[in-house]
């Protein structure tokens, strides 16, 4: 028997594992510390957006199982429907704050362009999800919204694929297609944040120096 050990080629699963271990070690995937500048409230908007998304999905699942009759006629249905509605409003508010905050921080710095683009994609898909949701309320408002938006969408050339007056299509888009895309994009967004780290402020060096100086003076005074 030959003493030489035959070299085994690494499979594609092995390459994925090695790349994940290199780019996303456990201490980066689940960090227990953050830079000092993360204490700013502008960094909380992203987490609040994800929390609102969880509220949307949770309440939406209940609405899907119960159906329109329940959310239009029962007190509990009104409550869950309102919870779903206000979760959507908070989602967009927090997302816009997060988007503009990171725009003025130039969040694409340091090779973070994938994080930035994925956030924009999530925002764009969320607009479609919100529009489809308004179109399936099964009331007069939804009929008016659908038929007013129909001509505008047709003018863009995508009316054949996105027929907002088609209740069945809008229902499936709203409860399956759009939530699935948003969830995958948000997951990728969070993973890229973990890989590259939280973007520092443009004047992060000055902020960290000021915090260190304040901490030193406080210890000296004590």
Protein backbone atom coordinates (compact mmCIF):
# COMPACT_ATOMS: atom_id res chain seq x y z
CA UNK A 1 0.00 0.00 0.00
CA UNK A 2 1.33 3.39 -0.89
CA UNK A 3 2.18 5.68 2.03
CA UNK A 4 1.06 8.65 0.04
CA UNK A 5 -2.35 10.01 0.97
CA UNK A 6 -4.44 10.98 -1.99
CA UNK A 7 -5.53 14.62 -1.85
CA UNK A 8 -9.28 15.01 -1.57
CA UNK A 9 -10.83 17.87 -3.45
CA UNK A 10 -13.01 20.18 -1.39
CA UNK A 11 -16.65 20.03 -2.46
CA UNK A 12 -18.87 23.07 -2.98
CA UNK A 13 -20.40 22.57 0.47
CA UNK A 14 -16.92 22.62 1.96
CA UNK A 15 -16.07 25.82 0.12
CA UNK A 16 -19.25 27.46 1.42
CA UNK A 17 -18.44 26.33 4.97
CA UNK A 18 -14.87 27.59 4.78
CA UNK A 19 -15.97 30.92 3.39
CA UNK A 20 -18.62 31.30 6.10
CA UNK A 21 -16.12 30.46 8.83
CA UNK A 22 -13.69 33.01 7.41
CA UNK A 23 -16.12 35.89 6.85
CA UNK A 24 -18.57 35.29 9.68
CA UNK A 25 -16.99 33.80 12.82
CA UNK A 26 -19.15 33.36 15.91
CA UNK A 27 -17.82 36.45 17.68
CA UNK A 28 -18.92 38.55 14.69
CA UNK A 29 -22.20 36.71 14.11
CA UNK A 30 -23.31 37.10 17.75
CA UNK A 31 -21.25 39.95 19.20
CA UNK A 32 -21.58 40.83 22.89
CA UNK A 33 -19.97 44.26 22.56
CA UNK A 34 -20.43 47.16 20.16
CA UNK A 35 -18.40 50.31 19.39
CA UNK A 36 -19.06 53.33 21.61
CA UNK A 37 -20.77 55.30 18.84
CA UNK A 38 -23.59 52.73 18.60
CA UNK A 39 -25.18 54.34 21.69
CA UNK A 40 -26.72 56.90 19.29
CA UNK A 41 -30.46 56.46 18.65
CA UNK A 42 -29.91 56.52 14.89
CA UNK A 43 -28.51 52.99 15.15
CA UNK A 44 -31.70 51.72 16.81
CA UNK A 45 -33.91 52.45 13.77
CA UNK A 46 -32.77 49.31 11.97
CA UNK A 47 -33.66 47.05 14.89
CA UNK A 48 -37.03 48.79 15.29
CA UNK A 49 -37.69 48.18 11.58
CA UNK A 50 -37.07 44.45 12.01
CA UNK A 51 -39.28 44.40 15.12
CA UNK A 52 -42.10 46.07 13.17
CA UNK A 53 -41.61 43.52 10.36
CA UNK A 54 -42.02 40.72 12.89
CA UNK A 55 -45.27 42.33 14.02
CA UNK A 56 -46.47 42.55 10.43
CA UNK A 57 -45.73 38.90 9.71
CA UNK A 58 -47.18 37.65 13.00
CA UNK A 59 -50.46 39.56 12.68
CA UNK A 60 -50.61 38.79 8.95
CA UNK A 61 -50.43 35.04 9.60
CA UNK A 62 -53.43 35.32 11.95
CA UNK A 63 -55.39 37.35 9.39
CA UNK A 64 -54.57 34.79 6.69
CA UNK A 65 -55.97 31.92 8.74
CA UNK A 66 -59.09 33.79 9.87
CA UNK A 67 -60.13 35.49 6.62
CA UNK A 68 -61.88 38.76 5.66
CA UNK A 69 -65.19 38.01 7.39
CA UNK A 70 -63.43 37.68 10.74
CA UNK A 71 -61.36 40.85 10.51
CA UNK A 72 -64.36 42.90 9.31
CA UNK A 73 -67.01 41.70 11.78
CA UNK A 74 -65.46 40.57 15.10
CA UNK A 75 -63.85 42.70 17.81
CA UNK A 76 -60.79 40.48 17.96
CA UNK A 77 -60.55 40.63 14.17
CA UNK A 78 -60.64 44.42 14.27
CA UNK A 79 -57.88 44.38 16.87
CA UNK A 80 -55.54 42.12 14.87
CA UNK A 81 -56.33 44.02 11.68
CA UNK A 82 -55.46 47.29 13.41
CA UNK A 83 -52.32 45.71 14.85
CA UNK A 84 -51.30 44.69 11.33
CA UNK A 85 -52.06 48.17 9.97
CA UNK A 86 -50.08 50.06 12.62
CA UNK A 87 -47.19 47.62 12.38
CA UNK A 88 -46.98 48.55 8.70
CA UNK A 89 -47.00 52.27 9.52
CA UNK A 90 -44.22 51.84 12.09
CA UNK A 91 -42.29 49.66 9.67
CA UNK A 92 -42.21 52.37 7.03
CA UNK A 93 -41.49 55.14 9.54
CA UNK A 94 -38.54 53.29 11.06
CA UNK A 95 -37.29 52.16 7.65
CA UNK A 96 -37.31 55.73 6.28
CA UNK A 97 -35.50 57.01 9.38
CA UNK A 98 -32.98 54.17 9.02
CA UNK A 99 -32.57 54.85 5.30
CA UNK A 100 -32.04 58.58 5.60
CA UNK A 101 -29.85 58.24 8.68
CA UNK A 102 -27.54 55.85 6.86
CA UNK A 103 -27.62 58.02 3.73
CA UNK A 104 -26.23 61.02 5.60
CA UNK A 105 -23.70 58.73 7.30
CA UNK A 106 -22.57 57.45 3.86
CA UNK A 107 -23.25 53.89 5.01
CA UNK A 108 -21.81 52.38 1.83
CA UNK A 109 -18.28 53.20 3.00
CA UNK A 110 -15.80 50.43 3.71
CA UNK A 111 -17.09 48.00 1.11
CA UNK A 112 -20.64 48.06 2.52
CA UNK A 113 -22.33 48.60 -0.84
CA UNK A 114 -24.12 45.24 -0.63
CA UNK A 115 -25.65 46.25 2.70
CA UNK A 116 -26.79 49.56 1.24
CA UNK A 117 -28.25 48.06 -1.97
CA UNK A 118 -30.09 45.31 -0.07
CA UNK A 119 -31.71 47.97 2.12
CA UNK A 120 -32.90 49.86 -0.95
CA UNK A 121 -34.28 46.64 -2.47
CA UNK A 122 -36.15 45.87 0.77
CA UNK A 123 -37.66 49.37 0.72
CA UNK A 124 -38.76 49.07 -2.93
CA UNK A 125 -40.35 45.64 -2.43
CA UNK A 126 -42.09 46.90 0.72
CA UNK A 127 -43.88 49.54 -1.35
CA UNK A 128 -45.34 46.79 -3.53
CA UNK A 129 -46.30 44.80 -0.45
CA UNK A 130 -48.07 47.81 1.04
CA UNK A 131 -49.96 48.56 -2.19
CA UNK A 132 -51.09 44.95 -2.57
CA UNK A 133 -52.22 44.98 1.06
CA UNK A 134 -54.42 48.01 0.51
CA UNK A 135 -55.91 46.30 -2.55
CA UNK A 136 -57.09 43.20 -0.64
CA UNK A 137 -58.94 44.84 2.25
CA UNK A 138 -62.21 43.65 0.62
CA UNK A 139 -64.01 46.94 1.18
CA UNK A 140 -64.88 50.04 -0.83
CA UNK A 141 -61.49 51.59 -0.08
CA UNK A 142 -59.65 48.63 -1.60
CA UNK A 143 -61.80 48.74 -4.74
CA UNK A 144 -61.17 52.45 -5.20
CA UNK A 145 -57.42 52.07 -4.61
CA UNK A 146 -57.14 49.11 -7.00
CA UNK A 147 -58.94 50.70 -9.90
CA UNK A 148 -57.29 54.09 -9.43
CA UNK A 149 -53.84 52.45 -9.37
CA UNK A 150 -54.60 50.14 -12.31
CA UNK A 151 -54.16 52.77 -15.00
CA UNK A 152 -50.95 54.08 -13.45
CA UNK A 153 -49.43 50.61 -13.25
CA UNK A 154 -50.51 49.80 -16.80
CA UNK A 155 -48.76 52.98 -17.94
CA UNK A 156 -45.47 51.60 -16.59
CA UNK A 157 -45.78 48.49 -18.78
CA UNK A 158 -45.96 45.94 -15.94
CA UNK A 159 -49.76 45.72 -15.78
CA UNK A 160 -49.77 42.29 -17.41
CA UNK A 161 -47.63 40.87 -14.58
CA UNK A 162 -48.95 43.04 -11.73
CA UNK A 163 -52.72 43.24 -12.14
CA UNK A 164 -53.75 45.14 -9.05
CA UNK A 165 -57.44 44.66 -9.88
CA UNK A 166 -56.98 40.87 -9.68
CA UNK A 167 -57.81 40.02 -6.05
CA UNK A 168 -56.41 36.49 -6.20
CA UNK A 169 -53.09 37.62 -7.61
CA UNK A 170 -52.77 40.48 -5.10
CA UNK A 171 -53.63 38.12 -2.24
CA UNK A 172 -50.88 35.67 -3.19
CA UNK A 173 -48.40 38.49 -3.82
CA UNK A 174 -49.19 40.02 -0.44
CA UNK A 175 -49.16 36.91 1.74
CA UNK A 176 -46.45 34.90 -0.05
CA UNK A 177 -44.30 36.58 -2.72
CA UNK A 178 -43.55 39.97 -1.17
CA UNK A 179 -43.08 38.74 2.43
CA UNK A 180 -40.76 35.99 1.19
CA UNK A 181 -38.61 38.40 -0.81
CA UNK A 182 -38.49 40.95 2.01
CA UNK A 183 -37.56 38.31 4.60
CA UNK A 184 -34.72 36.94 2.45
CA UNK A 185 -33.40 40.42 1.63
CA UNK A 186 -33.55 41.52 5.28
CA UNK A 187 -31.74 38.32 6.31
CA UNK A 188 -29.01 39.00 3.74
CA UNK A 189 -28.89 42.63 4.92
CA UNK A 190 -28.31 41.59 8.53
CA UNK A 191 -25.66 39.03 7.53
CA UNK A 192 -23.76 41.66 5.54
CA UNK A 193 -23.96 44.02 8.52
CA UNK A 194 -22.38 41.28 10.64
CA UNK A 195 -19.67 40.63 8.04
CA UNK A 196 -18.64 44.27 7.56
CA UNK A 197 -19.65 45.56 10.98
CA UNK A 198 -21.79 48.55 11.88
CA UNK A 199 -20.83 51.58 9.80
CA UNK A 200 -19.01 54.17 11.93
CA UNK A 201 -19.93 57.86 11.84
CA UNK A 202 -17.88 59.98 9.47
CA UNK A 203 -16.18 61.58 12.48
CA UNK A 204 -15.96 58.33 14.47
CA UNK A 205 -12.31 58.89 15.41
CA UNK A 206 -13.16 62.22 17.05
CA UNK A 207 -16.16 60.71 18.84
CA UNK A 208 -14.16 57.78 20.24
CA UNK A 209 -11.35 60.11 21.32
CA UNK A 210 -13.83 62.39 23.11
CA UNK A 211 -15.45 59.41 24.87
CA UNK A 212 -12.06 58.06 25.94
CA UNK A 213 -11.04 61.49 27.22
CA UNK A 214 -14.29 61.82 29.17
CA UNK A 215 -13.85 58.35 30.67
CA UNK A 216 -10.26 59.14 31.68
CA UNK A 217 -11.25 62.43 33.31
CA UNK A 218 -14.10 60.72 35.17
CA UNK A 219 -11.75 58.04 36.54
CA UNK A 220 -9.22 60.71 37.53
CA UNK A 221 -11.88 62.68 39.37
CA UNK A 222 -13.04 59.55 41.20
